[in-house]
Amino acid sequence: MQNIPWYERIKQARLSRCLSQQAAAALLEVDEKTYQRWEAGKHLPNFAGRRALRDHFGISPDLIPPL
């Protein structure tokens, strides 16, 4: 499997579900700017964000660098 950066996995998961960034943020219950920063790799999700990514997008928290 390719070594895809964690933030690219978030973007791919969103696009595969045909969601806008705004819709993805609402689904994950985070601010849209927060979501955009995750997807750009500028900020790391906190524990709640990691759990939401796992539950809604199937992204393992183990793939995201530690805080």
C-alpha atoms as a PDB file:
ATOM      1  CA  MET A   1       0.000   0.000   0.000  1.00  0.00           C
ATOM      2  CA  GLN A   2       1.204   3.489  -0.787  1.00  0.00           C
ATOM      3  CA  ASN A   3       2.474   5.668   2.002  1.00  0.00           C
ATOM      4  CA  ILE A   4      -0.269   8.296   1.763  1.00  0.00           C
ATOM      5  CA  PRO A   5      -0.023  11.193   4.241  1.00  0.00           C
ATOM      6  CA  TRP A   6      -2.738  11.145   6.898  1.00  0.00           C
ATOM      7  CA  TYR A   7      -4.250  14.422   5.679  1.00  0.00           C
ATOM      8  CA  GLU A   8      -4.539  13.073   2.120  1.00  0.00           C
ATOM      9  CA  ARG A   9      -6.456  10.094   3.510  1.00  0.00           C
ATOM     10  CA  ILE A  10      -8.931  12.520   5.064  1.00  0.00           C
ATOM     11  CA  LYS A  11      -9.397  14.294   1.735  1.00  0.00           C
ATOM     12  CA  GLN A  12      -9.778  11.009  -0.160  1.00  0.00           C
ATOM     13  CA  ALA A  13     -12.362   9.783   2.355  1.00  0.00           C
ATOM     14  CA  ARG A  14     -14.345  13.008   1.985  1.00  0.00           C
ATOM     15  CA  LEU A  15     -14.227  12.945  -1.808  1.00  0.00           C
ATOM     16  CA  SER A  16     -15.195   9.261  -1.979  1.00  0.00           C
ATOM     17  CA  ARG A  17     -18.356  10.186  -0.065  1.00  0.00           C
ATOM     18  CA  CYS A  18     -19.017  13.168  -2.382  1.00  0.00           C
ATOM     19  CA  LEU A  19     -18.929  15.591   0.551  1.00  0.00           C
ATOM     20  CA  SER A  20     -17.891  19.218   0.531  1.00  0.00           C
ATOM     21  CA  GLN A  21     -15.492  20.375   3.218  1.00  0.00           C
ATOM     22  CA  GLN A  22     -18.429  22.143   4.851  1.00  0.00           C
ATOM     23  CA  ALA A  23     -20.523  18.956   4.877  1.00  0.00           C
ATOM     24  CA  ALA A  24     -17.607  16.885   6.180  1.00  0.00           C
ATOM     25  CA  ALA A  25     -17.029  19.372   9.002  1.00  0.00           C
ATOM     26  CA  ALA A  26     -20.706  19.223   9.941  1.00  0.00           C
ATOM     27  CA  LEU A  27     -20.667  15.410   9.876  1.00  0.00           C
ATOM     28  CA  LEU A  28     -17.577  15.342  12.107  1.00  0.00           C
ATOM     29  CA  GLU A  29     -19.020  18.100  14.327  1.00  0.00           C
ATOM     30  CA  VAL A  30     -16.044  20.431  13.946  1.00  0.00           C
ATOM     31  CA  ASP A  31     -15.657  23.970  12.661  1.00  0.00           C
ATOM     32  CA  GLU A  32     -15.147  24.173   8.908  1.00  0.00           C
ATOM     33  CA  LYS A  33     -11.802  25.996   9.331  1.00  0.00           C
ATOM     34  CA  THR A  34     -10.628  23.265  11.688  1.00  0.00           C
ATOM     35  CA  TYR A  35     -11.517  20.629   9.121  1.00  0.00           C
ATOM     36  CA  GLN A  36      -9.763  22.565   6.358  1.00  0.00           C
ATOM     37  CA  ARG A  37      -6.606  22.748   8.473  1.00  0.00           C
ATOM     38  CA  TRP A  38      -6.710  18.991   9.040  1.00  0.00           C
ATOM     39  CA  GLU A  39      -7.098  18.312   5.346  1.00  0.00           C
ATOM     40  CA  ALA A  40      -4.216  20.664   4.558  1.00  0.00           C
ATOM     41  CA  GLY A  41      -2.034  18.929   7.159  1.00  0.00           C
ATOM     42  CA  LYS A  42      -1.609  22.179   9.110  1.00  0.00           C
ATOM     43  CA  HIS A  43      -3.230  21.011  12.367  1.00  0.00           C
ATOM     44  CA  LEU A  44      -3.588  17.635  14.034  1.00  0.00           C
ATOM     45  CA  PRO A  45      -7.016  16.467  15.185  1.00  0.00           C
ATOM     46  CA  ASN A  46      -7.528  16.193  18.932  1.00  0.00           C
ATOM     47  CA  PHE A  47      -8.821  12.988  20.544  1.00  0.00           C
ATOM     48  CA  ALA A  48     -12.465  13.740  19.707  1.00  0.00           C
ATOM     49  CA  GLY A  49     -11.544  14.602  16.124  1.00  0.00           C
ATOM     50  CA  ARG A  50      -9.569  11.383  15.722  1.00  0.00           C
ATOM     51  CA  ARG A  51     -12.512   9.392  17.050  1.00  0.00           C
ATOM     52  CA  ALA A  52     -14.886  11.161  14.632  1.00  0.00           C
ATOM     53  CA  LEU A  53     -12.536  10.455  11.703  1.00  0.00           C
ATOM     54  CA  ARG A  54     -12.439   6.798  12.711  1.00  0.00           C
ATOM     55  CA  ASP A  55     -16.197   6.511  13.180  1.00  0.00           C
ATOM     56  CA  HIS A  56     -17.278   8.388  10.058  1.00  0.00           C
ATOM     57  CA  PHE A  57     -14.400   7.962   7.602  1.00  0.00           C
ATOM     58  CA  GLY A  58     -12.769   4.741   8.816  1.00  0.00           C
ATOM     59  CA  ILE A  59      -9.396   6.448   9.324  1.00  0.00           C
ATOM     60  CA  SER A  60      -7.402   4.794  12.066  1.00  0.00           C
ATOM     61  CA  PRO A  61      -6.118   7.203  14.726  1.00  0.00           C
ATOM     62  CA  ASP A  62      -2.821   5.285  14.467  1.00  0.00           C
ATOM     63  CA  LEU A  63      -2.257   6.846  11.018  1.00  0.00           C
ATOM     64  CA  ILE A  64      -2.299  10.377  12.453  1.00  0.00           C
ATOM     65  CA  PRO A  65       0.888  11.626  14.152  1.00  0.00           C
ATOM     66  CA  PRO A  66       0.685  11.990  17.939  1.00  0.00           C
ATOM     67  CA  LEU A  67      -0.215  15.353  19.445  1.00  0.00           C
END
